[in-house]
Protein backbone atom coordinates (compact mmCIF):
# COMPACT_ATOMS: atom_id res chain seq x y z
CA MET A 1 31.00 1.32 19.11
CA ARG A 2 28.99 -1.77 18.27
CA PHE A 3 27.84 -2.77 14.81
CA LEU A 4 25.15 -5.01 13.41
CA ILE A 5 26.00 -7.05 10.31
CA VAL A 6 22.91 -8.22 8.46
CA ARG A 7 22.54 -10.48 5.42
CA THR A 8 19.19 -9.81 3.74
CA GLU A 9 17.30 -11.05 0.72
CA ILE A 10 16.98 -8.59 -2.14
CA ARG A 11 13.35 -8.15 -3.07
CA THR A 12 12.59 -8.38 -6.74
CA VAL A 13 10.82 -5.41 -8.26
CA ALA A 14 8.51 -5.39 -11.25
CA ASP A 15 9.43 -3.19 -14.21
CA ALA A 16 6.20 -1.21 -13.77
CA ASP A 17 7.20 -0.35 -10.17
CA ILE A 18 10.61 0.82 -11.32
CA ALA A 19 9.05 3.04 -14.00
CA ALA A 20 6.50 4.46 -11.53
CA ALA A 21 9.19 5.27 -8.94
CA TRP A 22 11.39 6.85 -11.60
CA ALA A 23 8.56 8.96 -13.02
CA GLY A 24 7.22 10.02 -9.63
CA GLY A 25 10.59 10.76 -8.07
CA SER A 26 9.83 8.43 -5.18
CA ARG A 27 12.01 5.78 -3.60
CA LEU A 28 11.74 2.26 -4.91
CA ARG A 29 12.65 0.65 -1.60
CA ASP A 30 12.10 2.17 1.81
CA GLU A 31 13.85 0.17 4.51
CA THR A 32 12.12 2.09 7.30
CA SER A 33 8.64 0.99 6.30
CA THR A 34 9.29 -2.39 4.63
CA PRO A 35 12.73 -3.79 5.44
CA GLU A 36 14.17 -6.63 3.39
CA PRO A 37 13.79 -10.10 4.97
CA ARG A 38 16.79 -10.96 7.15
CA ARG A 39 18.67 -14.20 6.59
CA GLN A 40 21.50 -13.79 9.09
CA VAL A 41 22.35 -11.30 11.84
CA VAL A 42 25.68 -10.95 13.65
CA HIS A 43 27.06 -8.21 15.88
CA ALA A 44 30.59 -6.92 16.34
CA GLU A 45 32.17 -4.75 19.01
CA ASP A 46 34.27 -2.57 16.69
CA ARG A 47 34.42 -1.42 13.07
CA ASP A 48 37.33 -3.64 12.03
CA ALA A 49 35.58 -6.76 13.32
CA ALA A 50 32.34 -5.68 11.61
CA LEU A 51 34.07 -5.24 8.26
CA LEU A 52 35.83 -8.60 8.62
CA LEU A 53 32.52 -10.34 9.32
CA ALA A 54 30.85 -8.49 6.43
CA ARG A 55 33.63 -9.62 4.10
CA ALA A 56 33.12 -13.22 5.23
CA LEU A 57 29.35 -13.00 4.71
CA SER A 58 29.93 -11.50 1.27
CA ALA A 59 31.58 -14.76 0.22
CA VAL A 60 28.25 -16.61 0.55
CA GLY A 61 27.03 -17.83 -2.83
CA ALA A 62 23.68 -16.02 -2.65
CA VAL A 63 25.45 -12.69 -2.03
CA ARG A 64 27.87 -13.26 -4.87
CA ALA A 65 24.96 -14.21 -7.16
CA GLY A 66 23.11 -10.99 -6.29
CA ARG A 67 20.17 -12.55 -4.42
CA HIS A 68 21.29 -11.35 -0.96
CA ARG A 69 23.14 -8.29 0.30
CA VAL A 70 25.26 -7.57 3.36
CA LYS A 71 24.74 -4.42 5.41
CA VAL A 72 26.89 -3.03 8.23
CA LEU A 73 24.89 -0.81 10.58
CA PRO A 74 26.14 1.14 13.61
CA ILE A 75 23.92 0.51 16.63
CA GLU A 76 25.28 3.25 18.87
CA GLU A 77 25.50 6.96 18.25
CA PRO A 78 28.87 8.32 17.01
CA ALA A 79 30.87 10.69 19.15
CA PRO A 80 29.18 14.13 19.29
CA GLY A 81 32.34 15.90 18.10
CA HIS A 82 32.51 13.76 14.94
CA PRO A 83 28.95 13.15 13.71
CA TYR A 84 30.08 11.53 10.45
CA ARG A 85 32.81 9.26 11.79
CA TRP A 86 31.89 5.91 13.28
CA ASP A 87 35.20 5.24 14.96
CA GLY A 88 34.84 8.27 17.24
CA GLY A 89 38.37 9.43 16.34
């Protein structure tokens, strides 16, 4: 299975938006409608390689300072017999 490793900027949110989302029970961030801006994208052929690359990207100063985040996303469907396991085993 292939994976996409993405380093994105974390959008700042105003206190009023946080309070409104909390009070209304809605989501503060919705990645499907407004994804965070991407800074770096890498792909890996297996889970171990993806996690190794994610660990390396997590060492970037902006990630450690909390301005960016690293996401590991599967880009192929998991095995039908194991819908919640990404390694297909």
